[in-house]
Amino acid sequence: MNLFVAKLNPATTSKDLQRLFAHYGLVTTVKVIMDHFTGRSKNYGFVEMPNIEEANEALKELDSSVFQDSVIRVKNSQPNNIRPNGAGSQFHANRTITVWNQHEYIRDSSLNPKYLSGQSSTRNYGYRGSGLRNRDLY
């Protein structure tokens, strides 16, 4: 089971997290995420424990506990390659968010009857509210 650990002290290392979670069972991997440019900790990390019962016990015991002068948060982490509902949605906090319809703007004006009148030169195909457009086409 993969656990997400947030609100870590900036001085916390992977060895510190290893020692903390080892009290609850076998820990296979520990990683504190570091900023690539500054080399400092981003104050969160991941801990992987193979035994689900031990991981659940660590999650219950360590969530909202004080570790190295910081109140840490421990949550269950879902791997990135597991996504419910296919490619058209994103999974976030037990709810499904539909991705913006990418076919809303038709870039080829020959296929859209709105632009057959020859007034497509003022149309900006960017985001809504950006640039010029002809108001009479709507």
N, C-alpha and C. Protein backbone atom coordinates (compact mmCIF):
# COMPACT_ATOMS: atom_id res chain seq x y z
N MET A 1 0.85 -1.17 0.00
CA MET A 1 0.00 0.00 0.00
C MET A 1 0.90 1.23 0.00
N ASN A 2 0.56 2.19 -0.84
CA ASN A 2 1.35 3.41 -0.98
C ASN A 2 0.69 4.51 -0.16
N LEU A 3 1.45 5.16 0.70
CA LEU A 3 0.94 6.22 1.56
C LEU A 3 1.56 7.55 1.19
N PHE A 4 0.75 8.59 1.21
CA PHE A 4 1.19 9.96 0.95
C PHE A 4 1.34 10.65 2.29
N VAL A 5 2.50 11.25 2.54
CA VAL A 5 2.78 11.94 3.80
C VAL A 5 3.03 13.40 3.49
N ALA A 6 2.19 14.29 4.05
CA ALA A 6 2.27 15.72 3.74
C ALA A 6 2.60 16.51 5.00
N LYS A 7 2.94 17.78 4.79
CA LYS A 7 3.25 18.74 5.84
C LYS A 7 4.46 18.31 6.67
N LEU A 8 5.46 17.78 5.99
CA LEU A 8 6.69 17.37 6.68
C LEU A 8 7.54 18.59 7.01
N ASN A 9 8.36 18.42 8.02
CA ASN A 9 9.36 19.43 8.35
C ASN A 9 10.36 19.50 7.19
N PRO A 10 10.83 20.68 6.80
CA PRO A 10 11.80 20.76 5.70
C PRO A 10 13.09 19.98 5.94
N ALA A 11 13.42 19.73 7.19
CA ALA A 11 14.64 18.99 7.50
C ALA A 11 14.44 17.47 7.50
N THR A 12 13.22 16.99 7.29
CA THR A 12 12.95 15.56 7.31
C THR A 12 13.56 14.88 6.11
N THR A 13 14.24 13.76 6.34
CA THR A 13 14.86 12.99 5.27
C THR A 13 14.11 11.67 5.08
N SER A 14 14.48 10.94 4.05
CA SER A 14 13.87 9.63 3.80
C SER A 14 14.19 8.65 4.92
N LYS A 15 15.39 8.76 5.49
CA LYS A 15 15.74 7.87 6.61
C LYS A 15 14.86 8.14 7.82
N ASP A 16 14.53 9.40 8.06
CA ASP A 16 13.64 9.74 9.18
C ASP A 16 12.26 9.11 8.99
N LEU A 17 11.73 9.21 7.78
CA LEU A 17 10.43 8.61 7.50
C LEU A 17 10.49 7.09 7.59
N GLN A 18 11.60 6.52 7.15
CA GLN A 18 11.79 5.07 7.24
C GLN A 18 11.72 4.61 8.70
N ARG A 19 12.42 5.32 9.58
CA ARG A 19 12.41 4.97 11.00
C ARG A 19 11.02 5.13 11.61
N LEU A 20 10.29 6.18 11.21
CA LEU A 20 8.96 6.43 11.76
C LEU A 20 7.98 5.33 11.37
N PHE A 21 7.95 4.95 10.10
CA PHE A 21 6.98 3.96 9.64
C PHE A 21 7.42 2.53 9.93
N ALA A 22 8.69 2.30 10.20
CA ALA A 22 9.18 0.95 10.51
C ALA A 22 8.61 0.43 11.83
N HIS A 23 8.14 1.30 12.70
CA HIS A 23 7.52 0.86 13.96
C HIS A 23 6.22 0.11 13.71
N TYR A 24 5.60 0.29 12.54
CA TYR A 24 4.32 -0.33 12.25
C TYR A 24 4.43 -1.53 11.33
N GLY A 25 5.60 -1.79 10.78
CA GLY A 25 5.78 -2.96 9.92
C GLY A 25 6.86 -2.73 8.88
N LEU A 26 6.92 -3.65 7.92
CA LEU A 26 7.93 -3.62 6.87
C LEU A 26 7.66 -2.46 5.92
N VAL A 27 8.71 -1.69 5.63
CA VAL A 27 8.62 -0.57 4.69
C VAL A 27 9.53 -0.90 3.51
N THR A 28 8.96 -0.91 2.29
CA THR A 28 9.78 -1.26 1.13
C THR A 28 10.46 -0.04 0.52
N THR A 29 9.74 1.04 0.32
CA THR A 29 10.35 2.24 -0.25
C THR A 29 9.86 3.49 0.47
N VAL A 30 10.76 4.45 0.58
CA VAL A 30 10.45 5.76 1.17
C VAL A 30 11.09 6.81 0.30
N LYS A 31 10.33 7.87 0.00
CA LYS A 31 10.90 8.94 -0.81
C LYS A 31 10.33 10.28 -0.35
N VAL A 32 11.22 11.18 0.05
CA VAL A 32 10.85 12.56 0.32
C VAL A 32 11.10 13.32 -0.97
N ILE A 33 10.10 14.04 -1.45
CA ILE A 33 10.19 14.73 -2.72
C ILE A 33 10.99 16.02 -2.54
N MET A 34 12.00 16.19 -3.41
CA MET A 34 12.89 17.34 -3.34
C MET A 34 12.65 18.24 -4.56
N ASP A 35 12.83 19.54 -4.37
CA ASP A 35 12.75 20.49 -5.47
C ASP A 35 13.99 20.34 -6.33
N HIS A 36 13.79 20.23 -7.63
CA HIS A 36 14.90 19.99 -8.55
C HIS A 36 15.87 21.17 -8.61
N PHE A 37 15.35 22.38 -8.54
CA PHE A 37 16.19 23.55 -8.71
C PHE A 37 16.88 23.99 -7.42
N THR A 38 16.15 23.99 -6.31
CA THR A 38 16.73 24.49 -5.05
C THR A 38 17.38 23.39 -4.24
N GLY A 39 17.00 22.14 -4.44
CA GLY A 39 17.55 21.05 -3.65
C GLY A 39 16.89 20.91 -2.28
N ARG A 40 15.87 21.72 -2.01
CA ARG A 40 15.17 21.66 -0.73
C ARG A 40 13.99 20.69 -0.81
N SER A 41 13.54 20.27 0.35
CA SER A 41 12.38 19.39 0.43
C SER A 41 11.11 20.15 0.06
N LYS A 42 10.18 19.47 -0.61
CA LYS A 42 8.88 20.05 -0.91
C LYS A 42 7.87 19.76 0.20
N ASN A 43 8.35 19.21 1.30
CA ASN A 43 7.58 18.95 2.52
C ASN A 43 6.51 17.88 2.34
N TYR A 44 6.71 16.95 1.41
CA TYR A 44 5.85 15.78 1.33
C TYR A 44 6.65 14.62 0.77
N GLY A 45 6.09 13.42 0.97
CA GLY A 45 6.79 12.24 0.51
C GLY A 45 5.85 11.06 0.39
N PHE A 46 6.41 9.91 0.01
CA PHE A 46 5.64 8.69 -0.18
C PHE A 46 6.31 7.54 0.56
N VAL A 47 5.50 6.69 1.15
CA VAL A 47 5.97 5.51 1.87
C VAL A 47 5.20 4.32 1.34
N GLU A 48 5.91 3.25 0.98
CA GLU A 48 5.25 2.05 0.49
C GLU A 48 5.44 0.92 1.49
N MET A 49 4.31 0.33 1.89
CA MET A 49 4.32 -0.79 2.83
C MET A 49 3.56 -1.94 2.18
N PRO A 50 4.15 -3.15 2.10
CA PRO A 50 3.50 -4.26 1.40
C PRO A 50 2.30 -4.84 2.15
N ASN A 51 2.30 -4.80 3.47
CA ASN A 51 1.20 -5.37 4.25
C ASN A 51 0.12 -4.29 4.45
N ILE A 52 -1.07 -4.57 3.98
CA ILE A 52 -2.15 -3.58 4.02
C ILE A 52 -2.60 -3.30 5.46
N GLU A 53 -2.65 -4.32 6.30
CA GLU A 53 -3.07 -4.11 7.69
C GLU A 53 -2.09 -3.20 8.43
N GLU A 54 -0.80 -3.46 8.24
CA GLU A 54 0.21 -2.61 8.88
C GLU A 54 0.15 -1.17 8.35
N ALA A 55 -0.08 -1.04 7.06
CA ALA A 55 -0.16 0.30 6.46
C ALA A 55 -1.38 1.05 6.97
N ASN A 56 -2.51 0.36 7.10
CA ASN A 56 -3.71 1.01 7.64
C ASN A 56 -3.53 1.43 9.09
N GLU A 57 -2.83 0.60 9.86
CA GLU A 57 -2.56 0.97 11.25
C GLU A 57 -1.66 2.20 11.32
N ALA A 58 -0.62 2.24 10.47
CA ALA A 58 0.27 3.41 10.43
C ALA A 58 -0.50 4.65 10.00
N LEU A 59 -1.40 4.49 9.03
CA LEU A 59 -2.20 5.62 8.56
C LEU A 59 -3.06 6.18 9.69
N LYS A 60 -3.74 5.30 10.43
CA LYS A 60 -4.60 5.75 11.53
C LYS A 60 -3.81 6.38 12.66
N GLU A 61 -2.68 5.79 12.99
CA GLU A 61 -1.90 6.28 14.13
C GLU A 61 -1.15 7.57 13.83
N LEU A 62 -0.62 7.69 12.60
CA LEU A 62 0.27 8.81 12.30
C LEU A 62 -0.42 10.03 11.68
N ASP A 63 -1.64 9.85 11.18
CA ASP A 63 -2.35 10.99 10.61
C ASP A 63 -2.63 12.01 11.70
N SER A 64 -2.28 13.25 11.47
CA SER A 64 -2.45 14.38 12.41
C SER A 64 -1.59 14.23 13.65
N SER A 65 -0.48 13.51 13.55
CA SER A 65 0.44 13.39 14.68
C SER A 65 1.60 14.36 14.49
N VAL A 66 2.33 14.61 15.56
CA VAL A 66 3.47 15.53 15.52
C VAL A 66 4.74 14.71 15.25
N PHE A 67 5.47 15.12 14.22
CA PHE A 67 6.74 14.47 13.87
C PHE A 67 7.73 15.56 13.51
N GLN A 68 8.81 15.64 14.26
CA GLN A 68 9.86 16.65 14.09
C GLN A 68 9.26 18.07 14.05
N ASP A 69 8.47 18.38 15.05
CA ASP A 69 7.85 19.70 15.24
C ASP A 69 6.88 20.11 14.14
N SER A 70 6.33 19.14 13.40
CA SER A 70 5.31 19.42 12.38
C SER A 70 4.17 18.42 12.54
N VAL A 71 2.95 18.91 12.37
CA VAL A 71 1.78 18.03 12.38
C VAL A 71 1.64 17.46 10.98
N ILE A 72 1.92 16.17 10.83
CA ILE A 72 1.94 15.55 9.50
C ILE A 72 0.56 15.00 9.15
N ARG A 73 0.31 14.89 7.85
CA ARG A 73 -0.91 14.29 7.33
C ARG A 73 -0.52 13.03 6.56
N VAL A 74 -1.21 11.93 6.82
CA VAL A 74 -0.94 10.67 6.13
C VAL A 74 -2.24 10.23 5.45
N LYS A 75 -2.14 9.96 4.15
CA LYS A 75 -3.30 9.54 3.37
C LYS A 75 -2.93 8.39 2.47
N ASN A 76 -3.94 7.65 2.03
CA ASN A 76 -3.74 6.59 1.07
C ASN A 76 -3.47 7.22 -0.29
N SER A 77 -2.46 6.73 -1.00
CA SER A 77 -2.10 7.28 -2.29
C SER A 77 -2.43 6.28 -3.37
N GLN A 78 -3.11 6.76 -4.43
CA GLN A 78 -3.46 5.89 -5.55
C GLN A 78 -2.44 6.07 -6.66
N PRO A 79 -1.93 4.99 -7.25
CA PRO A 79 -0.95 5.13 -8.33
C PRO A 79 -1.52 5.89 -9.51
N ASN A 80 -0.64 6.57 -10.28
CA ASN A 80 -1.06 7.38 -11.41
C ASN A 80 -1.63 6.57 -12.56
N ASN A 81 -1.22 5.30 -12.71
CA ASN A 81 -1.66 4.53 -13.86
C ASN A 81 -3.05 3.94 -13.68
N ILE A 82 -3.68 4.07 -12.53
CA ILE A 82 -5.03 3.57 -12.30
C ILE A 82 -5.99 4.75 -12.36
N ARG A 83 -6.78 4.82 -13.41
CA ARG A 83 -7.74 5.91 -13.58
C ARG A 83 -9.11 5.33 -13.91
N PRO A 84 -10.11 5.54 -13.07
CA PRO A 84 -11.44 5.06 -13.41
C PRO A 84 -12.06 5.91 -14.52
N ASN A 85 -13.02 5.37 -15.23
CA ASN A 85 -13.80 6.05 -16.26
C ASN A 85 -12.99 6.43 -17.49
N GLY A 86 -11.84 5.85 -17.72
CA GLY A 86 -11.13 6.02 -18.97
C GLY A 86 -10.44 7.35 -19.14
N ALA A 87 -10.15 7.69 -20.41
CA ALA A 87 -9.33 8.86 -20.72
C ALA A 87 -10.10 10.17 -20.69
N GLY A 88 -11.41 10.15 -20.66
CA GLY A 88 -12.18 11.38 -20.73
C GLY A 88 -12.41 12.06 -19.40
N SER A 89 -11.84 11.55 -18.33
CA SER A 89 -12.07 12.16 -17.03
C SER A 89 -10.83 12.04 -16.17
N GLN A 90 -10.80 12.82 -15.11
CA GLN A 90 -9.70 12.78 -14.16
C GLN A 90 -10.27 12.39 -12.81
N PHE A 91 -9.51 11.61 -12.04
CA PHE A 91 -9.97 11.17 -10.72
C PHE A 91 -9.35 12.06 -9.67
N HIS A 92 -10.20 12.61 -8.78
CA HIS A 92 -9.70 13.51 -7.75
C HIS A 92 -10.60 13.42 -6.53
N ALA A 93 -10.08 12.98 -5.43
CA ALA A 93 -10.76 13.00 -4.13
C ALA A 93 -12.15 12.39 -4.20
N ASN A 94 -12.25 11.16 -4.71
CA ASN A 94 -13.50 10.40 -4.76
C ASN A 94 -14.59 11.07 -5.58
N ARG A 95 -14.24 11.86 -6.56
CA ARG A 95 -15.23 12.42 -7.46
C ARG A 95 -14.64 12.45 -8.86
N THR A 96 -15.50 12.41 -9.85
CA THR A 96 -15.06 12.43 -11.23
C THR A 96 -15.29 13.81 -11.81
N ILE A 97 -14.25 14.38 -12.40
CA ILE A 97 -14.33 15.70 -13.01
C ILE A 97 -14.19 15.51 -14.51
N THR A 98 -15.17 15.97 -15.27
CA THR A 98 -15.13 15.83 -16.72
C THR A 98 -14.19 16.87 -17.29
N VAL A 99 -13.34 16.45 -18.20
CA VAL A 99 -12.39 17.34 -18.84
C VAL A 99 -13.13 18.22 -19.84
N TRP A 100 -12.68 19.46 -20.00
CA TRP A 100 -13.28 20.41 -20.94
C TRP A 100 -13.36 19.81 -22.33
N ASN A 101 -14.48 20.02 -23.01
CA ASN A 101 -14.67 19.48 -24.34
C ASN A 101 -13.71 20.13 -25.32
N GLN A 102 -12.77 19.39 -25.83
CA GLN A 102 -11.75 19.93 -26.71
C GLN A 102 -12.25 20.18 -28.12
N HIS A 103 -13.43 19.69 -28.46
CA HIS A 103 -13.97 19.87 -29.79
C HIS A 103 -14.95 21.04 -29.87
N GLU A 104 -14.96 21.88 -28.86
CA GLU A 104 -15.90 22.99 -28.84
C GLU A 104 -15.56 24.02 -29.92
N TYR A 105 -14.29 24.26 -30.14
CA TYR A 105 -13.87 25.18 -31.19
C TYR A 105 -13.42 24.36 -32.40
N ILE A 106 -14.10 24.56 -33.52
CA ILE A 106 -13.72 23.87 -34.75
C ILE A 106 -12.73 24.76 -35.47
N ARG A 107 -11.52 24.30 -35.65
CA ARG A 107 -10.46 25.13 -36.21
C ARG A 107 -10.54 25.24 -37.73
N ASP A 108 -11.15 24.29 -38.37
CA ASP A 108 -11.30 24.36 -39.82
C ASP A 108 -12.63 25.04 -40.11
N SER A 109 -12.59 26.30 -40.58
CA SER A 109 -13.81 27.06 -40.77
C SER A 109 -14.66 26.53 -41.91
N SER A 110 -14.10 25.71 -42.79
CA SER A 110 -14.90 25.17 -43.90
C SER A 110 -15.91 24.15 -43.40
N LEU A 111 -15.70 23.58 -42.21
CA LEU A 111 -16.61 22.59 -41.68
C LEU A 111 -17.71 23.20 -40.82
N ASN A 112 -17.56 24.44 -40.43
CA ASN A 112 -18.51 25.06 -39.52
C ASN A 112 -19.41 26.02 -40.29
N PRO A 113 -20.73 25.82 -40.26
CA PRO A 113 -21.62 26.69 -41.03
C PRO A 113 -21.65 28.12 -40.51
N LYS A 114 -21.24 28.38 -39.29
CA LYS A 114 -21.23 29.73 -38.75
C LYS A 114 -20.26 30.63 -39.52
N TYR A 115 -19.20 30.04 -40.07
CA TYR A 115 -18.15 30.81 -40.70
C TYR A 115 -18.22 30.80 -42.23
N LEU A 116 -19.29 30.26 -42.79
CA LEU A 116 -19.39 30.19 -44.24
C LEU A 116 -19.65 31.55 -44.88
N SER A 117 -20.05 32.53 -44.08
CA SER A 117 -20.34 33.85 -44.63
C SER A 117 -19.08 34.65 -44.93
N GLY A 118 -17.90 34.14 -44.65
CA GLY A 118 -16.66 34.81 -44.97
C GLY A 118 -16.18 35.77 -43.90
N GLN A 119 -16.76 35.75 -42.71
CA GLN A 119 -16.38 36.66 -41.64
C GLN A 119 -15.48 36.00 -40.61
N SER A 120 -14.82 34.91 -40.97
CA SER A 120 -14.02 34.16 -40.01
C SER A 120 -12.66 34.81 -39.72
N SER A 121 -12.33 35.90 -40.40
CA SER A 121 -11.02 36.50 -40.21
C SER A 121 -10.88 37.18 -38.85
N THR A 122 -11.97 37.53 -38.18
CA THR A 122 -11.89 38.19 -36.88
C THR A 122 -11.99 37.20 -35.73
N ARG A 123 -12.12 35.93 -36.03
CA ARG A 123 -12.29 34.92 -34.99
C ARG A 123 -10.95 34.53 -34.41
N ASN A 124 -10.84 34.59 -33.07
CA ASN A 124 -9.66 34.12 -32.37
C ASN A 124 -9.98 32.74 -31.80
N TYR A 125 -9.18 31.75 -32.11
CA TYR A 125 -9.46 30.39 -31.68
C TYR A 125 -8.88 30.06 -30.31
N GLY A 126 -8.49 31.04 -29.54
CA GLY A 126 -7.92 30.79 -28.22
C GLY A 126 -8.99 30.52 -27.18
N TYR A 127 -8.67 30.80 -25.95
CA TYR A 127 -9.60 30.58 -24.86
C TYR A 127 -10.73 31.58 -24.92
N ARG A 128 -11.80 31.26 -24.22
CA ARG A 128 -12.95 32.14 -24.18
C ARG A 128 -12.55 33.48 -23.58
N GLY A 129 -13.00 34.55 -24.18
CA GLY A 129 -12.72 35.87 -23.66
C GLY A 129 -11.38 36.43 -24.08
N SER A 130 -10.66 35.74 -24.96
CA SER A 130 -9.36 36.26 -25.38
C SER A 130 -9.42 36.64 -26.85
N GLY A 131 -9.17 37.88 -27.15
CA GLY A 131 -9.07 38.31 -28.53
C GLY A 131 -10.37 38.78 -29.14
N LEU A 132 -10.32 39.06 -30.43
CA LEU A 132 -11.46 39.59 -31.16
C LEU A 132 -12.37 38.48 -31.65
N ARG A 133 -13.65 38.77 -31.78
CA ARG A 133 -14.59 37.89 -32.43
C ARG A 133 -15.77 38.69 -32.96
N ASN A 134 -16.43 38.13 -33.89
CA ASN A 134 -17.63 38.76 -34.42
C ASN A 134 -18.81 38.38 -33.56
N ARG A 135 -19.48 39.35 -32.98
CA ARG A 135 -20.59 39.08 -32.08
C ARG A 135 -21.82 38.57 -32.84
N ASP A 136 -21.96 38.92 -34.11
CA ASP A 136 -23.17 38.51 -34.83
C ASP A 136 -23.13 37.03 -35.24
N LEU A 137 -22.00 36.36 -35.06
CA LEU A 137 -21.92 34.93 -35.38
C LEU A 137 -22.52 34.08 -34.28
N TYR A 138 -22.74 34.64 -33.12
CA TYR A 138 -23.26 33.86 -32.01
C TYR A 138 -24.73 34.07 -31.92
